[in-house]
Amino acid sequence: MRVALYARVSTRDRDQNPENQLVLLRREAERAGDTIIKEYVDEESGGKASRKQFQMLMRDASKRHFDLVRVFALDRFSSQGIEAVFEYTAALDQCGVAFWSYCEPMLNTTGPMAALYKAIIAWAAGYRNERHSENVRLGQARKRAQVEAAGKIYQHGRRPLGEEVASRARELAGQGLSQRKIAATLGVSVGKVNSYLNAP
């Protein structure tokens, strides 16, 4: 059988390597006598449908480049929730492409029980992803409040910016200096200068 392997790790899973998933999937494909047509790997959140390799996988499935998609776990395939998972797997089915999960063998059958298992697992993955996003937002809000209480400027994803540096950047900008010259003067990147000048 012609198969495609799909592996994904999230950007927050810095200690994970998609190769760990692929090793197991290759082994299972070899045991089944499958021919691996292509391996698709994403390193971003499963809560996004815009994943580049995922989209390529779905396009290639529509062209019947393979007969089966093997994934390590359903939440590696998508953590967008029940509706999205059913939409994607239904799209594969309509293309004549089967779906196989290493961690959820109950999904590799047909009938109502497989649909029920899929719904439960998809709901859990979507709920976990939603909770993580909520925790991130709360953490950002807490950090912003702490930084602003200290009289500094908060910039998401970066260290707090010193008010003196930000003030100096604005002063130089007022003198007509370009952002590149300001960056060279202050010894920071142009991107940081842009952040200083556009900070509220």
Protein backbone atom coordinates (compact mmCIF):
# COMPACT_ATOMS: atom_id res chain seq x y z
CA MET A 1 0.00 0.00 0.00
CA ARG A 2 1.21 3.53 -0.75
CA VAL A 3 1.41 5.52 2.46
CA ALA A 4 2.16 9.03 3.67
CA LEU A 5 3.60 9.70 7.12
CA TYR A 6 2.64 12.82 9.03
CA ALA A 7 4.50 14.02 12.14
CA ARG A 8 4.12 17.23 14.11
CA VAL A 9 5.63 18.86 17.15
CA SER A 10 4.44 22.15 18.57
CA THR A 11 6.63 25.24 18.72
CA ARG A 12 6.28 25.01 22.49
CA ASP A 13 7.58 21.42 22.55
CA ARG A 14 11.23 22.45 22.36
CA ASP A 15 12.41 19.12 23.78
CA GLN A 16 10.54 17.05 21.19
CA ASN A 17 11.78 15.84 17.85
CA PRO A 18 9.44 14.75 15.04
CA GLU A 19 11.95 12.04 14.16
CA ASN A 20 10.79 10.16 17.26
CA GLN A 21 7.35 9.82 15.70
CA LEU A 22 8.68 9.04 12.24
CA VAL A 23 10.85 6.16 13.46
CA LEU A 24 7.77 4.38 14.82
CA LEU A 25 5.68 5.15 11.74
CA ARG A 26 8.37 3.87 9.39
CA ARG A 27 8.63 0.68 11.39
CA GLU A 28 4.87 0.09 11.21
CA ALA A 29 4.87 0.81 7.48
CA GLU A 30 7.69 -1.68 6.97
CA ARG A 31 5.85 -4.34 8.98
CA ALA A 32 2.77 -3.87 6.82
CA GLY A 33 4.80 -3.99 3.61
CA ASP A 34 3.83 -0.42 2.74
CA THR A 35 5.65 1.84 0.31
CA ILE A 36 6.30 5.24 1.90
CA ILE A 37 5.55 7.86 -0.74
CA LYS A 38 6.33 10.93 1.34
CA GLU A 39 6.90 12.17 4.89
CA TYR A 40 5.23 15.42 5.96
CA VAL A 41 6.54 17.23 9.05
CA ASP A 42 5.25 20.39 10.73
CA GLU A 43 6.77 22.21 13.68
CA GLU A 44 3.89 24.38 14.82
CA SER A 45 0.64 24.28 16.75
CA GLY A 46 -1.92 21.64 15.81
CA GLY A 47 -4.60 24.24 16.51
CA LYS A 48 -3.82 25.92 13.18
CA ALA A 49 -5.20 24.70 9.85
CA SER A 50 -2.59 26.74 7.97
CA ARG A 51 0.26 24.32 8.73
CA LYS A 52 2.27 24.18 5.50
CA GLN A 53 3.02 20.45 5.41
CA PHE A 54 -0.47 19.56 6.63
CA GLN A 55 -2.03 21.52 3.78
CA MET A 56 0.34 19.84 1.32
CA LEU A 57 -0.66 16.45 2.73
CA MET A 58 -4.35 17.18 2.19
CA ARG A 59 -3.72 18.44 -1.35
CA ASP A 60 -1.69 15.35 -2.24
CA ALA A 61 -4.41 13.14 -0.74
CA SER A 62 -6.97 14.78 -3.03
CA LYS A 63 -4.76 13.74 -5.96
CA ARG A 64 -4.54 10.15 -4.62
CA HIS A 65 -0.77 10.21 -4.35
CA PHE A 66 -1.15 7.62 -1.57
CA ASP A 67 -3.75 5.27 -0.09
CA LEU A 68 -3.15 5.67 3.63
CA VAL A 69 -2.01 8.38 6.06
CA ARG A 70 -0.15 7.15 9.12
CA VAL A 71 0.17 9.46 12.14
CA PHE A 72 1.58 8.94 15.62
CA ALA A 73 -1.56 10.23 17.37
CA LEU A 74 -4.75 12.03 16.47
CA ASP A 75 -3.70 15.18 18.32
CA ARG A 76 -0.52 15.25 16.21
CA PHE A 77 -2.77 15.34 13.15
CA SER A 78 -4.98 18.12 14.52
CA SER A 79 -5.93 19.60 17.88
CA GLN A 80 -8.55 21.97 16.46
CA GLY A 81 -11.45 20.05 17.93
CA ILE A 82 -14.08 17.53 16.88
CA GLU A 83 -15.53 19.34 13.86
CA ALA A 84 -12.14 19.95 12.26
CA VAL A 85 -10.92 16.40 12.84
CA PHE A 86 -14.07 14.93 11.33
CA GLU A 87 -13.80 17.34 8.41
CA TYR A 88 -10.21 16.35 7.67
CA THR A 89 -10.68 12.61 8.06
CA ALA A 90 -13.90 12.76 6.03
CA ALA A 91 -12.02 14.60 3.29
CA LEU A 92 -9.41 11.83 3.26
CA ASP A 93 -12.14 9.20 3.11
CA GLN A 94 -13.81 10.93 0.18
CA CYS A 95 -10.48 10.81 -1.66
CA GLY A 96 -10.22 7.09 -0.98
CA VAL A 97 -7.39 7.61 1.53
CA ALA A 98 -7.53 5.73 4.84
CA PHE A 99 -6.38 7.10 8.21
CA TRP A 100 -4.22 5.20 10.73
CA SER A 101 -3.04 6.23 14.21
CA TYR A 102 -0.23 4.54 16.15
CA CYS A 103 -1.51 5.58 19.59
CA GLU A 104 -5.22 5.00 18.92
CA PRO A 105 -5.61 1.60 17.22
CA MET A 106 -9.35 1.78 17.87
CA LEU A 107 -9.49 4.46 15.17
CA ASN A 108 -8.09 2.08 12.59
CA THR A 109 -11.38 0.22 12.32
CA THR A 110 -14.66 1.13 10.70
CA GLY A 111 -18.10 1.59 12.19
CA PRO A 112 -19.77 3.70 14.88
CA MET A 113 -17.29 2.86 17.64
CA ALA A 114 -14.39 4.28 15.64
CA ALA A 115 -16.41 7.47 15.09
CA LEU A 116 -17.14 7.68 18.83
CA TYR A 117 -13.49 7.21 19.80
CA LYS A 118 -12.46 9.82 17.25
CA ALA A 119 -14.95 12.33 18.67
CA ILE A 120 -13.76 11.80 22.25
CA ILE A 121 -10.07 12.08 21.38
CA ALA A 122 -10.61 15.10 19.13
CA TRP A 123 -12.59 16.86 21.87
CA ALA A 124 -9.83 16.22 24.42
CA ALA A 125 -7.14 17.52 22.03
CA GLY A 126 -9.13 20.66 21.24
CA TYR A 127 -9.87 21.29 24.92
CA ARG A 128 -6.20 20.91 25.86
CA ASN A 129 -5.16 23.31 23.10
CA GLU A 130 -7.77 25.85 24.19
CA ARG A 131 -6.66 25.64 27.81
CA HIS A 132 -3.02 26.14 26.84
CA SER A 133 -3.90 29.24 24.81
CA GLU A 134 -5.85 30.61 27.75
CA ASN A 135 -2.91 30.02 30.11
CA VAL A 136 -0.57 31.79 27.69
CA ARG A 137 -2.88 34.82 27.54
CA LEU A 138 -3.14 34.96 31.33
CA GLY A 139 0.64 34.70 31.66
CA GLN A 140 1.16 37.54 29.19
CA ALA A 141 -1.35 39.74 31.02
CA ARG A 142 0.37 39.06 34.36
CA LYS A 143 3.83 39.80 32.93
CA ARG A 144 2.55 43.00 31.29
CA ALA A 145 1.12 44.21 34.59
CA GLN A 146 4.37 43.46 36.44
CA VAL A 147 6.53 45.21 33.85
CA GLU A 148 4.31 48.29 33.64
CA ALA A 149 4.13 48.49 37.44
CA ALA A 150 7.93 48.75 37.41
CA GLY A 151 7.68 51.71 35.03
CA LYS A 152 9.00 49.84 32.00
CA ILE A 153 7.61 49.09 28.57
CA TYR A 154 6.28 45.59 27.94
CA GLN A 155 7.11 43.89 24.64
CA HIS A 156 5.69 40.39 24.13
CA GLY A 157 8.36 37.79 23.37
CA ARG A 158 11.20 40.09 24.42
CA ARG A 159 12.75 41.27 27.64
CA PRO A 160 11.22 44.43 29.15
CA LEU A 161 12.62 47.52 27.48
CA GLY A 162 14.39 50.05 29.66
CA GLU A 163 12.59 53.38 29.66
CA GLU A 164 15.90 55.21 29.29
CA VAL A 165 16.76 53.38 26.08
CA ALA A 166 13.26 53.81 24.70
CA SER A 167 13.30 57.51 25.60
CA ARG A 168 16.68 57.96 23.92
CA ALA A 169 15.38 56.22 20.77
CA ARG A 170 12.41 58.58 20.61
CA GLU A 171 14.69 61.55 21.18
CA LEU A 172 16.96 60.55 18.28
CA ALA A 173 13.95 59.94 16.06
CA GLY A 174 12.76 63.44 16.89
CA GLN A 175 16.09 64.73 15.64
CA GLY A 176 15.39 63.14 12.27
CA LEU A 177 17.67 60.12 12.52
CA SER A 178 16.64 56.99 10.64
CA GLN A 179 15.83 53.83 12.55
CA ARG A 180 19.01 52.24 11.20
CA LYS A 181 21.16 55.09 12.57
CA ILE A 182 19.33 55.01 15.88
CA ALA A 183 19.96 51.28 16.11
CA ALA A 184 23.67 51.78 15.44
CA THR A 185 23.86 54.56 18.03
CA LEU A 186 22.11 52.58 20.76
CA GLY A 187 23.69 49.24 19.88
CA VAL A 188 20.35 47.47 19.34
CA SER A 189 18.60 45.97 16.33
CA VAL A 190 16.45 47.98 13.93
CA GLY A 191 13.52 45.80 15.00
CA LYS A 192 13.95 46.88 18.60
CA VAL A 193 14.15 50.51 17.62
CA ASN A 194 10.89 50.06 15.75
CA SER A 195 9.38 48.53 18.90
CA TYR A 196 10.60 51.44 21.02
CA LEU A 197 9.11 54.01 18.67
CA ASN A 198 5.78 52.26 18.32
CA ALA A 199 5.33 51.28 21.96
CA PRO A 200 2.24 52.84 23.57
